[in-house]
Amino acid sequence: MPAIFKSVLSSSITPVSFFICLFSSILIGLAVALVYIRTERRYSPGFVVTLALLPAVVQIIIMLVNGNLGAGVAVAGAFSLVRFRSIPGTAKEIGAIFIALAAGLATGMGYIAFAAIFALVMLLLLLVYSALKLGARASERKKELTVVIPESLNYTTAFNDIFEKYTDYCELISVKTTNMGSLFKLKYEIRLKNDAEEKELIDSVRCRNGNLEIICCRLPQNGDNL
């Protein structure tokens, strides 16, 4: 058993050991990409392809710089010339990238078994956590509630009893005057106690604000970005 955890690389890289590491990296990268597709509803095809190729790219770099100071300095200098510009990634994207990077580092050092076991465990956990929707239950009930009220209504306490009845979390996040200052537009972040009571909440609020405009929508998922 301990023998399978030894590096397949000797003092010098042979064609056989190189292709073993390369094909292992490609297979692990493909597995990471497929699991990411399975667990993410919205994804970029370009990102998936990059994710599949990333372990092999990292593996080649590690092989080139392993024990060679001059090559390491040259690679670092080459990468310093490249400016990476992209939109902010989500936490799940960053996690998938780190899994691919770690697997590529392991295969680049010849530890094929380590890389395969690590990738298998991490991808299984990713599938399980996604199936369980770990941490998603509370965030899915969060809503953004926009309410327009007349200027005569005191917005600080106008809906306290309603929110206490239908929500277990409520925070006023912005106040804006509109219609030449005769109206206030209030924006709340709320979490409903029961999703089925959303209409009852809106009915209660519109009776209180004189049947002015009310908007209830999903909260923008900005907190998932890194």
Protein backbone atom coordinates (compact mmCIF):
# COMPACT_ATOMS: atom_id res chain seq x y z
CA MET A 1 0.00 0.00 0.00
CA PRO A 2 2.69 2.62 0.83
CA ALA A 3 4.27 1.98 -2.59
CA ILE A 4 1.34 3.53 -4.47
CA PHE A 5 1.90 6.81 -2.62
CA LYS A 6 5.48 7.13 -3.85
CA SER A 7 6.36 9.53 -6.63
CA VAL A 8 6.60 8.03 -10.12
CA LEU A 9 9.39 10.49 -10.92
CA SER A 10 13.04 9.59 -10.44
CA SER A 11 15.99 11.97 -10.51
CA SER A 12 15.22 12.68 -14.16
CA ILE A 13 11.91 12.79 -15.99
CA THR A 14 11.44 9.93 -18.45
CA PRO A 15 8.93 9.91 -21.33
CA VAL A 16 6.93 7.17 -19.58
CA SER A 17 6.67 9.06 -16.27
CA PHE A 18 5.87 12.30 -18.10
CA PHE A 19 2.95 10.80 -20.02
CA ILE A 20 1.66 9.02 -16.90
CA CYS A 21 1.56 12.34 -15.05
CA LEU A 22 0.09 14.17 -18.05
CA PHE A 23 -2.76 11.74 -18.66
CA SER A 24 -3.49 11.62 -14.92
CA SER A 25 -3.73 15.42 -14.85
CA ILE A 26 -6.04 15.46 -17.88
CA LEU A 27 -8.36 12.85 -16.34
CA ILE A 28 -8.48 14.64 -12.99
CA GLY A 29 -9.11 17.98 -14.71
CA LEU A 30 -11.95 16.45 -16.72
CA ALA A 31 -13.48 15.00 -13.54
CA VAL A 32 -13.29 18.39 -11.79
CA ALA A 33 -14.94 20.10 -14.78
CA LEU A 34 -17.76 17.53 -15.00
CA VAL A 35 -18.52 17.73 -11.27
CA TYR A 36 -18.52 21.53 -11.48
CA ILE A 37 -21.05 21.36 -14.35
CA ARG A 38 -23.19 18.99 -12.29
CA THR A 39 -23.26 21.24 -9.24
CA GLU A 40 -23.50 24.66 -10.92
CA ARG A 41 -26.58 25.74 -12.88
CA ARG A 42 -24.95 28.76 -14.52
CA TYR A 43 -21.45 28.38 -15.85
CA SER A 44 -19.23 29.64 -18.63
CA PRO A 45 -18.10 27.06 -21.22
CA GLY A 46 -14.73 28.80 -21.35
CA PHE A 47 -14.31 28.43 -17.60
CA VAL A 48 -15.17 24.72 -17.77
CA VAL A 49 -12.56 24.12 -20.48
CA THR A 50 -9.97 26.06 -18.48
CA LEU A 51 -10.81 24.04 -15.39
CA ALA A 52 -10.30 20.79 -17.30
CA LEU A 53 -6.89 21.91 -18.61
CA LEU A 54 -5.62 23.59 -15.44
CA PRO A 55 -4.15 20.49 -13.67
CA ALA A 56 -2.12 19.58 -16.77
CA VAL A 57 -0.80 23.14 -17.12
CA VAL A 58 0.20 23.31 -13.45
CA GLN A 59 1.78 19.85 -13.69
CA ILE A 60 4.02 20.91 -16.61
CA ILE A 61 5.12 24.06 -14.75
CA ILE A 62 5.98 22.08 -11.61
CA MET A 63 7.96 19.56 -13.65
CA LEU A 64 9.91 22.34 -15.35
CA VAL A 65 10.85 24.21 -12.18
CA ASN A 66 11.33 21.19 -9.89
CA GLY A 67 14.85 21.50 -8.51
CA ASN A 68 15.88 24.01 -11.19
CA LEU A 69 16.36 27.52 -9.82
CA GLY A 70 17.04 29.04 -13.22
CA ALA A 71 13.87 27.59 -14.74
CA GLY A 72 11.86 28.73 -11.73
CA VAL A 73 13.09 32.32 -12.12
CA ALA A 74 12.38 32.21 -15.88
CA VAL A 75 8.81 30.93 -15.38
CA ALA A 76 8.14 33.53 -12.67
CA GLY A 77 9.41 36.25 -15.00
CA ALA A 78 7.20 35.03 -17.85
CA PHE A 79 4.09 34.99 -15.67
CA SER A 80 4.88 38.48 -14.34
CA LEU A 81 4.43 39.78 -17.91
CA VAL A 82 0.85 38.50 -18.06
CA ARG A 83 -1.96 40.64 -16.67
CA PHE A 84 -4.99 38.66 -15.65
CA ARG A 85 -8.25 40.57 -15.98
CA SER A 86 -11.60 38.89 -15.40
CA ILE A 87 -14.95 39.39 -13.72
CA PRO A 88 -15.07 38.48 -10.00
CA GLY A 89 -15.46 34.76 -9.53
CA THR A 90 -17.93 33.06 -7.24
CA ALA A 91 -16.80 31.14 -4.18
CA LYS A 92 -17.61 27.84 -5.91
CA GLU A 93 -15.48 28.78 -8.92
CA ILE A 94 -12.54 29.68 -6.67
CA GLY A 95 -12.95 26.37 -4.84
CA ALA A 96 -12.94 24.38 -8.10
CA ILE A 97 -9.82 26.24 -9.24
CA PHE A 98 -8.01 25.39 -5.99
CA ILE A 99 -8.95 21.71 -6.32
CA ALA A 100 -7.56 21.67 -9.88
CA LEU A 101 -4.41 23.52 -8.80
CA ALA A 102 -3.73 21.16 -5.89
CA ALA A 103 -4.22 18.11 -8.11
CA GLY A 104 -1.86 19.58 -10.71
CA LEU A 105 0.77 20.24 -8.05
CA ALA A 106 0.56 16.64 -6.87
CA THR A 107 0.80 15.11 -10.36
CA GLY A 108 3.62 17.50 -11.23
CA MET A 109 5.62 16.03 -8.36
CA GLY A 110 4.73 12.50 -9.46
CA TYR A 111 2.30 11.67 -6.66
CA ILE A 112 -0.45 10.25 -8.86
CA ALA A 113 -2.22 8.33 -6.09
CA PHE A 114 -2.23 11.36 -3.81
CA ALA A 115 -3.72 13.50 -6.58
CA ALA A 116 -6.38 10.93 -7.50
CA ILE A 117 -7.48 10.30 -3.89
CA PHE A 118 -7.50 14.02 -3.06
CA ALA A 119 -9.57 14.86 -6.15
CA LEU A 120 -11.97 11.97 -5.51
CA VAL A 121 -12.60 12.99 -1.90
CA MET A 122 -13.01 16.70 -2.71
CA LEU A 123 -15.34 16.08 -5.65
CA LEU A 124 -17.50 13.66 -3.64
CA LEU A 125 -17.78 16.25 -0.88
CA LEU A 126 -18.69 18.89 -3.46
CA LEU A 127 -21.46 16.66 -4.81
CA VAL A 128 -22.76 15.81 -1.33
CA TYR A 129 -22.70 19.42 -0.07
CA SER A 130 -24.42 20.64 -3.24
CA ALA A 131 -27.10 17.93 -2.93
CA LEU A 132 -27.69 18.88 0.71
CA LYS A 133 -27.70 22.59 -0.22
CA LEU A 134 -25.37 23.25 2.67
CA GLY A 135 -25.87 26.79 3.95
CA ALA A 136 -28.45 27.61 1.28
CA ARG A 137 -31.69 27.14 3.21
CA ALA A 138 -31.60 30.45 5.06
CA SER A 139 -30.26 32.46 2.12
CA GLU A 140 -32.94 31.11 -0.25
CA ARG A 141 -35.68 32.57 1.99
CA LYS A 142 -34.11 36.03 1.87
CA LYS A 143 -36.05 38.57 -0.16
CA GLU A 144 -35.66 42.18 -1.15
CA LEU A 145 -38.84 44.09 -0.35
CA THR A 146 -39.36 47.56 -1.82
CA VAL A 147 -42.25 49.58 -0.41
CA VAL A 148 -43.47 53.04 -1.44
CA ILE A 149 -45.18 55.01 1.33
CA PRO A 150 -46.61 58.55 1.64
CA GLU A 151 -44.45 61.12 3.42
CA SER A 152 -46.99 61.33 6.26
CA LEU A 153 -46.28 57.72 7.31
CA ASN A 154 -43.45 57.20 9.82
CA TYR A 155 -41.41 54.51 8.07
CA THR A 156 -39.26 53.68 11.12
CA THR A 157 -42.12 51.92 12.91
CA ALA A 158 -44.87 51.67 10.29
CA PHE A 159 -44.43 47.95 9.53
CA ASN A 160 -42.85 46.60 12.72
CA ASP A 161 -45.83 44.47 13.74
CA ILE A 162 -46.22 43.04 10.22
CA PHE A 163 -42.56 42.11 9.92
CA GLU A 164 -42.60 40.58 13.40
CA LYS A 165 -45.49 38.34 12.35
CA TYR A 166 -44.23 37.17 8.95
CA THR A 167 -40.41 37.39 9.09
CA ASP A 168 -37.64 36.14 11.33
CA TYR A 169 -35.19 38.71 9.95
CA CYS A 170 -35.77 42.22 8.66
CA GLU A 171 -33.43 45.14 8.02
CA LEU A 172 -34.09 48.50 6.40
CA ILE A 173 -31.19 48.94 3.97
CA SER A 174 -32.10 52.12 2.09
CA VAL A 175 -34.53 55.05 2.08
CA LYS A 176 -35.13 57.19 -1.01
CA THR A 177 -37.45 60.11 -1.62
CA THR A 178 -39.44 60.13 -4.86
CA ASN A 179 -42.25 62.04 -6.62
CA MET A 180 -40.85 65.44 -5.62
CA GLY A 181 -40.41 64.33 -2.03
CA SER A 182 -44.05 63.39 -1.49
CA LEU A 183 -43.24 59.67 -1.30
CA PHE A 184 -40.59 57.51 0.32
CA LYS A 185 -39.21 54.37 -1.33
CA LEU A 186 -38.06 51.91 1.34
CA LYS A 187 -35.90 48.90 0.60
CA TYR A 188 -35.81 46.03 3.13
CA GLU A 189 -33.88 42.80 3.34
CA ILE A 190 -36.19 40.18 4.84
CA ARG A 191 -36.28 36.46 5.53
CA LEU A 192 -39.75 34.93 5.63
CA LYS A 193 -40.74 32.49 8.34
CA ASN A 194 -42.82 30.64 5.78
CA ASP A 195 -42.53 31.11 2.00
CA ALA A 196 -46.24 30.35 1.62
CA GLU A 197 -47.08 33.53 3.55
CA GLU A 198 -45.49 35.91 1.06
CA LYS A 199 -48.85 37.04 -0.35
CA GLU A 200 -50.25 37.61 3.14
CA LEU A 201 -47.22 39.77 3.94
CA ILE A 202 -47.70 41.86 0.79
CA ASP A 203 -51.45 42.23 1.43
CA SER A 204 -50.78 43.45 4.96
CA VAL A 205 -48.14 45.94 3.78
CA ARG A 206 -50.29 47.36 0.96
CA CYS A 207 -53.17 47.93 3.37
CA ARG A 208 -50.75 49.93 5.51
CA ASN A 209 -49.12 51.98 2.70
CA GLY A 210 -52.35 52.95 0.94
CA ASN A 211 -52.00 50.40 -1.87
CA LEU A 212 -48.91 52.08 -3.30
CA GLU A 213 -46.21 50.20 -5.17
CA ILE A 214 -44.67 47.10 -3.54
CA ILE A 215 -41.94 44.93 -5.05
CA CYS A 216 -40.82 41.63 -3.54
CA CYS A 217 -37.97 39.81 -5.30
CA ARG A 218 -35.00 37.54 -4.69
CA LEU A 219 -32.05 39.13 -2.97
CA PRO A 220 -29.12 39.69 -5.36
CA GLN A 221 -26.48 37.04 -4.62
CA ASN A 222 -23.48 39.36 -4.32
CA GLY A 223 -22.17 37.74 -1.18
CA ASP A 224 -21.06 34.68 -3.13
CA ASN A 225 -18.39 36.64 -5.00
CA LEU A 226 -14.78 36.78 -3.91
